N, C-alpha and C. Protein backbone atom coordinates (compact mmCIF):
# COMPACT_ATOMS: atom_id res chain seq x y z
N MET A 1 1.81 -36.61 4.52
CA MET A 1 2.07 -35.48 5.43
C MET A 1 1.79 -33.92 4.67
N PRO A 2 0.89 -33.20 5.09
CA PRO A 2 0.65 -31.78 4.43
C PRO A 2 1.84 -30.86 5.07
N ASN A 3 2.09 -30.04 3.67
CA ASN A 3 3.36 -29.30 3.49
C ASN A 3 2.66 -27.86 4.37
N LEU A 4 4.19 -27.18 5.21
CA LEU A 4 3.59 -26.62 6.19
C LEU A 4 3.12 -25.21 5.28
N LEU A 5 3.76 -24.90 4.17
CA LEU A 5 3.43 -23.43 3.42
C LEU A 5 1.90 -23.78 2.68
N THR A 6 1.55 -25.26 2.34
CA THR A 6 0.15 -25.26 2.10
C THR A 6 -0.91 -24.77 3.10
N GLU A 7 -0.47 -25.50 4.51
CA GLU A 7 -1.13 -25.38 5.62
C GLU A 7 -1.68 -23.95 5.92
N LEU A 8 -0.06 -23.09 5.67
CA LEU A 8 -0.43 -22.04 6.04
C LEU A 8 -1.29 -20.93 4.81
N GLY A 9 -1.09 -21.63 3.44
CA GLY A 9 -1.41 -20.57 2.62
C GLY A 9 -3.27 -21.48 2.48
N HIS A 10 -3.95 -22.21 3.23
CA HIS A 10 -5.13 -22.16 3.84
C HIS A 10 -5.71 -21.46 4.86
N VAL A 11 -4.84 -21.24 5.88
CA VAL A 11 -5.57 -20.59 6.94
C VAL A 11 -5.43 -19.36 6.83
N TYR A 12 -4.36 -18.76 5.66
CA TYR A 12 -4.17 -17.59 5.80
C TYR A 12 -4.58 -17.00 4.01
N HIS A 13 -5.51 -17.61 3.78
CA HIS A 13 -5.40 -17.54 2.24
C HIS A 13 -6.30 -15.71 1.64
N SER A 14 -7.07 -15.54 2.75
CA SER A 14 -7.58 -14.18 2.35
C SER A 14 -6.71 -12.54 2.65
N CYS A 15 -5.46 -13.19 3.62
CA CYS A 15 -4.44 -12.65 3.91
C CYS A 15 -3.91 -12.48 2.85
N LEU A 16 -3.34 -13.75 2.01
CA LEU A 16 -2.58 -13.84 0.82
C LEU A 16 -3.35 -13.06 -0.30
N LEU A 17 -4.61 -13.20 -0.22
CA LEU A 17 -5.27 -12.26 -1.46
C LEU A 17 -5.27 -10.54 -1.38
N ALA A 18 -5.19 -10.37 0.11
CA ALA A 18 -4.88 -8.98 -0.11
C ALA A 18 -3.74 -8.85 -0.19
N ILE A 19 -2.56 -9.22 -0.29
CA ILE A 19 -1.12 -9.26 -0.19
C ILE A 19 -0.70 -8.76 -1.56
N TRP A 20 -1.48 -9.88 -2.27
CA TRP A 20 -1.59 -9.85 -4.23
C TRP A 20 -1.96 -8.43 -4.17
N LEU A 21 -3.26 -8.07 -4.04
CA LEU A 21 -4.04 -6.64 -4.07
C LEU A 21 -3.06 -5.73 -4.05
N MET A 22 -2.58 -5.69 -2.86
CA MET A 22 -1.27 -4.80 -2.51
C MET A 22 0.14 -4.44 -3.65
N LEU A 23 0.41 -5.65 -3.82
CA LEU A 23 1.32 -6.05 -5.00
C LEU A 23 1.00 -5.67 -6.21
N VAL A 24 -0.72 -5.74 -6.23
CA VAL A 24 -0.72 -5.35 -7.98
C VAL A 24 -0.80 -4.25 -8.25
N THR A 25 -1.64 -3.33 -6.58
CA THR A 25 -1.93 -1.93 -7.04
C THR A 25 -0.36 -1.16 -7.37
N VAL A 26 0.80 -1.96 -6.19
CA VAL A 26 2.10 -0.96 -6.88
C VAL A 26 2.43 -1.10 -8.19
N LEU A 27 2.49 -2.17 -8.52
CA LEU A 27 2.48 -2.74 -9.88
C LEU A 27 2.11 -1.61 -11.24
N LEU A 28 0.37 -1.33 -11.07
CA LEU A 28 -0.10 -0.56 -11.28
C LEU A 28 0.21 1.09 -11.60
N GLN A 29 0.47 0.92 -10.11
CA GLN A 29 0.82 2.82 -9.97
C GLN A 29 2.14 2.84 -10.92
N ALA A 30 3.31 1.60 -10.40
CA ALA A 30 4.77 1.86 -11.75
C ALA A 30 4.04 2.29 -12.60
N ILE A 31 3.12 1.35 -13.56
CA ILE A 31 2.89 1.30 -14.74
C ILE A 31 2.53 2.74 -15.33
N ILE A 32 1.48 3.33 -14.49
CA ILE A 32 0.66 4.96 -14.89
C ILE A 32 1.80 5.45 -14.34
N ALA A 33 2.49 5.55 -13.83
CA ALA A 33 3.21 6.70 -12.93
C ALA A 33 4.63 6.39 -15.01
N MET A 34 4.75 5.36 -15.09
CA MET A 34 6.16 5.66 -16.61
C MET A 34 5.72 5.88 -17.49
N VAL A 35 3.87 5.67 -17.49
CA VAL A 35 3.13 6.17 -19.04
C VAL A 35 3.16 7.52 -18.63
N ALA A 36 2.31 8.15 -17.79
CA ALA A 36 2.59 9.08 -17.66
C ALA A 36 3.62 10.59 -17.87
N HIS A 37 4.72 9.84 -16.87
CA HIS A 37 6.20 10.65 -16.86
C HIS A 37 6.70 10.44 -18.69
N ARG A 38 6.24 9.70 -19.44
CA ARG A 38 7.01 9.20 -20.79
C ARG A 38 6.26 10.11 -22.12
N ARG A 39 5.02 10.63 -21.15
CA ARG A 39 4.48 11.64 -22.52
C ARG A 39 4.67 13.06 -22.13
N GLN A 40 5.08 13.30 -21.07
CA GLN A 40 5.97 14.83 -21.24
C GLN A 40 6.34 15.36 -22.27
N LYS A 41 5.77 16.55 -23.01
CA LYS A 41 7.04 16.97 -23.63
C LYS A 41 8.70 17.16 -23.80
N ARG A 42 8.74 17.49 -22.46
CA ARG A 42 10.80 17.30 -21.92
C ARG A 42 10.32 16.10 -21.10
N TYR A 43 10.64 15.10 -21.95
CA TYR A 43 10.82 13.65 -21.02
C TYR A 43 12.26 13.49 -20.93
N VAL A 44 12.55 13.41 -19.39
CA VAL A 44 13.80 12.85 -19.46
C VAL A 44 13.99 11.86 -18.47
N PRO A 45 14.60 10.93 -18.77
CA PRO A 45 14.43 9.47 -18.35
C PRO A 45 14.83 9.35 -16.50
N GLY A 46 13.78 9.19 -15.84
CA GLY A 46 14.42 8.93 -13.87
C GLY A 46 14.17 10.26 -13.52
N ILE A 47 13.76 11.21 -14.44
CA ILE A 47 14.29 13.08 -13.54
C ILE A 47 12.55 13.56 -14.27
N LEU A 48 12.45 13.91 -12.30
CA LEU A 48 11.14 14.48 -12.54
C LEU A 48 11.07 15.73 -12.23
N ASP A 49 10.30 16.89 -12.90
CA ASP A 49 10.58 18.25 -12.99
C ASP A 49 10.70 18.43 -11.93
N PRO A 50 11.25 19.30 -11.15
CA PRO A 50 10.89 19.66 -10.13
C PRO A 50 9.70 21.03 -9.63
N THR A 51 9.75 21.66 -11.07
CA THR A 51 8.30 22.60 -10.98
C THR A 51 7.25 22.28 -10.85
N LEU A 52 6.98 20.56 -10.98
CA LEU A 52 5.33 20.10 -10.78
C LEU A 52 5.09 19.83 -9.48
N SER A 53 4.00 20.16 -9.65
CA SER A 53 3.07 20.31 -8.36
C SER A 53 1.86 19.46 -8.19
N HIS A 54 1.24 19.59 -7.52
CA HIS A 54 0.08 18.62 -7.16
C HIS A 54 -1.10 18.60 -8.63
N GLU A 55 -1.04 20.32 -9.67
CA GLU A 55 -2.35 20.16 -10.25
C GLU A 55 -1.33 19.15 -11.82
N SER A 56 -0.18 18.62 -11.50
CA SER A 56 0.20 17.95 -12.94
C SER A 56 0.33 16.37 -12.50
N PHE A 57 -0.58 15.57 -13.37
CA PHE A 57 -0.82 14.52 -13.03
C PHE A 57 0.31 13.28 -12.92
N VAL A 58 1.64 13.59 -13.50
CA VAL A 58 2.46 13.06 -13.83
C VAL A 58 3.52 13.11 -11.97
N PHE A 59 3.35 14.15 -11.77
CA PHE A 59 3.46 14.53 -9.94
C PHE A 59 2.85 13.73 -9.16
N ARG A 60 1.56 13.79 -9.38
CA ARG A 60 0.51 12.76 -8.83
C ARG A 60 0.63 11.34 -8.73
N SER A 61 1.11 10.84 -9.83
CA SER A 61 1.18 9.28 -10.77
C SER A 61 2.45 9.09 -9.46
N HIS A 62 3.76 9.92 -9.80
CA HIS A 62 4.89 10.05 -9.10
C HIS A 62 4.98 9.66 -7.78
N ARG A 63 3.91 10.47 -6.94
CA ARG A 63 4.21 10.68 -5.82
C ARG A 63 2.88 9.29 -5.40
N THR A 64 1.91 9.13 -6.16
CA THR A 64 1.09 8.31 -5.36
C THR A 64 2.24 6.66 -5.79
N PHE A 65 3.01 6.23 -6.42
CA PHE A 65 3.49 5.38 -6.41
C PHE A 65 4.76 5.51 -5.54
N GLN A 66 5.41 6.57 -5.38
CA GLN A 66 6.43 6.66 -4.52
C GLN A 66 5.82 6.11 -2.45
N ASN A 67 4.67 7.31 -2.90
CA ASN A 67 4.41 6.84 -0.97
C ASN A 67 3.61 5.48 -1.27
N SER A 68 3.66 4.64 -2.12
CA SER A 68 2.95 3.21 -1.45
C SER A 68 4.41 2.33 -2.00
N LEU A 69 5.55 3.07 -2.40
CA LEU A 69 6.80 2.69 -1.77
C LEU A 69 7.85 2.85 -0.54
N GLU A 70 6.97 3.60 0.11
CA GLU A 70 7.41 4.15 1.35
C GLU A 70 6.97 3.23 2.30
N ASN A 71 5.50 2.91 2.17
CA ASN A 71 4.63 2.48 2.87
C ASN A 71 4.22 0.77 3.18
N LEU A 72 4.37 0.51 1.85
CA LEU A 72 3.38 -1.05 1.75
C LEU A 72 4.67 -1.67 2.44
N PRO A 73 6.25 -1.83 2.16
CA PRO A 73 7.45 -2.37 2.99
C PRO A 73 7.12 -2.52 4.58
N VAL A 74 6.35 -2.12 5.08
CA VAL A 74 6.50 -2.07 6.62
C VAL A 74 4.97 -3.31 6.75
N MET A 75 4.24 -2.88 6.18
CA MET A 75 2.85 -3.64 5.97
C MET A 75 2.97 -5.05 5.58
N LEU A 76 3.46 -5.12 4.59
CA LEU A 76 4.14 -6.46 4.28
C LEU A 76 4.77 -7.55 5.08
N PHE A 77 5.89 -6.58 5.78
CA PHE A 77 6.94 -7.29 6.78
C PHE A 77 5.71 -7.38 8.05
N SER A 78 4.87 -6.90 8.17
CA SER A 78 4.34 -7.06 9.81
C SER A 78 3.51 -8.52 9.15
N MET A 79 2.83 -8.52 8.15
CA MET A 79 2.12 -9.49 7.98
C MET A 79 2.52 -10.65 7.50
N LEU A 80 3.93 -10.84 7.29
CA LEU A 80 4.86 -11.81 7.43
C LEU A 80 5.29 -12.47 8.40
N LEU A 81 5.76 -11.34 9.60
CA LEU A 81 5.79 -11.32 10.80
C LEU A 81 4.64 -11.88 11.64
N ALA A 82 3.39 -11.94 11.43
CA ALA A 82 1.89 -12.08 11.60
C ALA A 82 2.13 -13.64 11.83
N ILE A 83 1.89 -13.75 10.46
CA ILE A 83 1.82 -15.24 9.97
C ILE A 83 2.34 -16.11 11.12
N LEU A 84 3.95 -15.97 10.42
CA LEU A 84 4.89 -16.75 11.16
C LEU A 84 5.02 -16.83 12.58
N ALA A 85 4.18 -16.16 13.26
CA ALA A 85 4.06 -15.91 14.55
C ALA A 85 2.63 -16.81 14.67
N GLY A 86 1.79 -16.94 14.01
CA GLY A 86 0.26 -17.49 14.12
C GLY A 86 -0.67 -16.31 14.37
N PHE A 87 -1.02 -15.33 14.02
CA PHE A 87 -1.65 -14.46 14.71
C PHE A 87 -2.86 -14.76 13.84
N ASP A 88 -4.19 -14.79 14.73
CA ASP A 88 -5.15 -14.85 14.28
C ASP A 88 -5.73 -14.42 13.04
N ALA A 89 -6.21 -15.44 12.04
CA ALA A 89 -6.02 -15.21 10.66
C ALA A 89 -7.15 -14.46 10.28
N SER A 90 -8.20 -14.47 11.04
CA SER A 90 -9.55 -13.43 10.66
C SER A 90 -9.18 -11.57 11.16
N ALA A 91 -8.61 -11.83 12.03
CA ALA A 91 -8.05 -10.20 12.39
C ALA A 91 -7.19 -9.38 11.86
N LEU A 92 -6.17 -10.73 10.83
CA LEU A 92 -5.16 -10.50 10.08
C LEU A 92 -5.59 -10.38 8.28
N ALA A 93 -6.77 -11.24 8.55
CA ALA A 93 -7.67 -10.65 7.16
C ALA A 93 -7.85 -9.46 7.11
N LEU A 94 -9.08 -8.85 8.71
CA LEU A 94 -9.42 -7.86 8.65
C LEU A 94 -8.83 -6.55 7.94
N LEU A 95 -7.55 -6.21 9.03
CA LEU A 95 -6.80 -5.65 9.01
C LEU A 95 -5.72 -5.32 7.58
N SER A 96 -5.54 -6.36 6.99
CA SER A 96 -4.86 -6.45 5.67
C SER A 96 -5.36 -6.25 4.25
N TRP A 97 -7.23 -6.54 4.88
CA TRP A 97 -8.40 -5.89 3.30
C TRP A 97 -8.62 -4.68 3.76
N VAL A 98 -8.39 -4.06 5.08
CA VAL A 98 -8.64 -2.59 5.42
C VAL A 98 -7.49 -1.96 4.47
N TYR A 99 -6.55 -2.54 5.02
CA TYR A 99 -5.38 -1.52 4.17
C TYR A 99 -5.53 -1.77 3.22
N ALA A 100 -5.30 -2.42 2.22
CA ALA A 100 -5.63 -2.56 0.77
C ALA A 100 -6.19 -2.00 -0.26
N LEU A 101 -7.88 -1.93 0.81
CA LEU A 101 -8.39 -0.87 -0.12
C LEU A 101 -8.56 0.58 -0.08
N ALA A 102 -8.06 0.47 1.29
CA ALA A 102 -7.70 1.84 1.83
C ALA A 102 -6.67 2.59 0.88
N ARG A 103 -5.66 1.94 0.41
CA ARG A 103 -4.61 2.37 -0.65
C ARG A 103 -5.18 2.46 -1.75
N VAL A 104 -5.84 1.22 -2.34
CA VAL A 104 -6.34 1.66 -3.44
C VAL A 104 -7.42 2.58 -3.51
N ILE A 105 -8.14 3.06 -2.44
CA ILE A 105 -8.74 4.64 -2.10
C ILE A 105 -7.82 5.42 -2.43
N HIS A 106 -6.74 5.72 -1.77
CA HIS A 106 -5.73 6.66 -1.78
C HIS A 106 -5.26 6.73 -3.43
N MET A 107 -4.98 5.87 -3.85
CA MET A 107 -4.10 5.66 -5.53
C MET A 107 -5.73 6.80 -6.36
N ALA A 108 -6.79 6.23 -5.73
CA ALA A 108 -7.97 7.05 -6.99
C ALA A 108 -8.31 8.29 -6.72
N LEU A 109 -7.99 8.39 -5.06
CA LEU A 109 -8.12 10.06 -5.14
C LEU A 109 -6.66 11.24 -5.23
N TYR A 110 -5.47 10.28 -4.56
CA TYR A 110 -4.63 11.36 -5.37
C TYR A 110 -4.64 11.39 -6.89
N TYR A 111 -4.82 10.58 -7.57
CA TYR A 111 -4.91 10.42 -8.72
C TYR A 111 -5.91 11.33 -9.59
N ALA A 112 -7.29 11.29 -8.52
CA ALA A 112 -8.78 12.53 -9.52
C ALA A 112 -8.43 14.08 -9.13
N ILE A 113 -8.12 14.15 -7.95
CA ILE A 113 -8.04 15.19 -7.06
C ILE A 113 -6.71 16.28 -6.91
N ALA A 114 -6.43 16.66 -7.73
CA ALA A 114 -5.19 17.66 -7.90
C ALA A 114 -5.41 19.18 -6.76
N THR A 115 -4.50 18.70 -5.24
CA THR A 115 -5.12 19.83 -4.51
C THR A 115 -3.42 19.71 -3.39
N GLU A 116 -3.08 21.16 -2.98
CA GLU A 116 -2.41 21.35 -2.22
C GLU A 116 -2.92 21.31 -0.53
N LYS A 117 -4.45 21.23 -0.50
CA LYS A 117 -4.57 21.47 0.53
C LYS A 117 -5.23 20.27 1.71
N ASN A 118 -4.46 20.01 2.96
CA ASN A 118 -3.75 19.24 3.44
C ASN A 118 -4.75 19.37 4.79
N PRO A 119 -5.47 18.25 5.75
CA PRO A 119 -5.74 17.67 4.84
C PRO A 119 -6.45 17.19 3.51
N SER A 120 -6.34 16.58 2.66
CA SER A 120 -6.98 15.81 1.69
C SER A 120 -8.26 14.97 1.36
N PRO A 121 -8.88 14.75 0.50
CA PRO A 121 -10.03 13.40 1.12
C PRO A 121 -8.40 12.20 0.81
N ARG A 122 -7.59 12.44 0.33
CA ARG A 122 -6.57 11.13 0.32
C ARG A 122 -5.71 10.86 1.61
N SER A 123 -5.85 11.96 2.09
CA SER A 123 -5.08 11.55 3.33
C SER A 123 -6.15 11.05 4.67
N TYR A 124 -7.49 10.83 4.49
CA TYR A 124 -8.00 9.78 5.17
C TYR A 124 -7.50 8.59 4.91
N ALA A 125 -7.92 8.24 3.34
CA ALA A 125 -7.13 6.99 3.11
C ALA A 125 -5.88 6.27 3.78
N TYR A 126 -5.12 7.22 3.54
CA TYR A 126 -4.13 7.27 4.22
C TYR A 126 -3.91 6.57 5.25
N SER A 127 -4.27 7.56 6.25
CA SER A 127 -4.44 7.49 7.50
C SER A 127 -4.72 6.21 8.11
N LEU A 128 -6.27 5.70 7.16
CA LEU A 128 -7.25 4.44 7.64
C LEU A 128 -5.86 3.53 7.15
N ALA A 129 -4.83 2.84 6.23
CA ALA A 129 -3.98 2.57 6.12
C ALA A 129 -3.20 2.23 7.19
N LEU A 130 -2.34 3.84 7.79
CA LEU A 130 -1.12 3.41 8.20
C LEU A 130 -2.22 3.25 10.07
N PHE A 131 -3.29 3.35 10.01
CA PHE A 131 -3.52 3.01 11.67
C PHE A 131 -3.94 1.21 11.48
N CYS A 132 -4.28 0.49 10.10
CA CYS A 132 -4.12 -0.56 10.35
C CYS A 132 -2.68 -1.27 10.59
N ASN A 133 -1.94 -0.68 9.94
CA ASN A 133 -0.69 -1.07 10.42
C ASN A 133 0.08 -1.00 11.50
N ILE A 134 -0.48 0.31 12.01
CA ILE A 134 0.13 0.45 13.75
C ILE A 134 -0.87 -0.48 14.87
N VAL A 135 -2.08 -0.40 14.13
CA VAL A 135 -3.07 -1.57 14.97
C VAL A 135 -2.09 -3.31 15.51
N LEU A 136 -1.57 -3.61 13.59
CA LEU A 136 -1.03 -4.70 13.51
C LEU A 136 0.08 -4.66 14.27
N LEU A 137 1.02 -3.94 14.11
CA LEU A 137 2.43 -3.87 14.65
C LEU A 137 2.16 -3.80 16.40
N GLY A 138 1.16 -2.84 16.93
CA GLY A 138 0.65 -3.08 18.44
C GLY A 138 0.45 -4.35 18.94
N TRP A 139 -0.74 -5.10 17.95
CA TRP A 139 -1.13 -6.37 18.60
C TRP A 139 0.30 -7.84 18.47
N LEU A 140 1.12 -7.51 17.52
CA LEU A 140 2.17 -8.12 17.43
C LEU A 140 3.28 -8.07 18.44
N GLY A 141 3.38 -6.86 18.38
CA GLY A 141 4.51 -6.52 20.17
C GLY A 141 3.44 -7.57 21.02
N SER A 142 2.26 -6.97 21.24
CA SER A 142 2.11 -7.91 22.55
C SER A 142 2.05 -9.31 22.29
N LEU A 143 1.32 -9.98 21.22
CA LEU A 143 1.80 -11.30 21.17
C LEU A 143 3.05 -11.84 21.39
N LEU A 144 4.09 -10.84 20.60
CA LEU A 144 5.86 -11.71 21.01
C LEU A 144 5.99 -11.21 22.19
N ILE A 145 5.94 -10.32 22.86
CA ILE A 145 6.49 -9.66 23.84
C ILE A 145 5.79 -10.26 25.30
N LEU A 146 4.72 -10.25 25.39
CA LEU A 146 3.81 -10.81 26.62
C LEU A 146 3.88 -12.46 26.45
């Protein structure tokens, strides 16, 4: 008799890979922010200099990591709910991969471009990831309510 988790793993394999990429991205962001923070001349553990802004890589790496911590839980729990509700695996995979890749692009642009301008190039990647999350929650709502 096949194990339910094994069956879900096969059906949602691509989604699980996207989750893996999301988690690796956040871990990488944490490491980059930690290293950048510790290389400061006046490093104080756990405290970010409030005078820093977008021109500082320490600030940008910290904000990139914090932004992921703020946004990733909603997507991960939405994906978990979608898997448990039997959401179409192909549609979920598409949304998951677009979200994951948009977050990687957001990270790269935030690291590379020091700007106070809004919207900045990273805003478009952020918006795409947010759009994926909104679409997934909308589809889930219609699936669960109707």
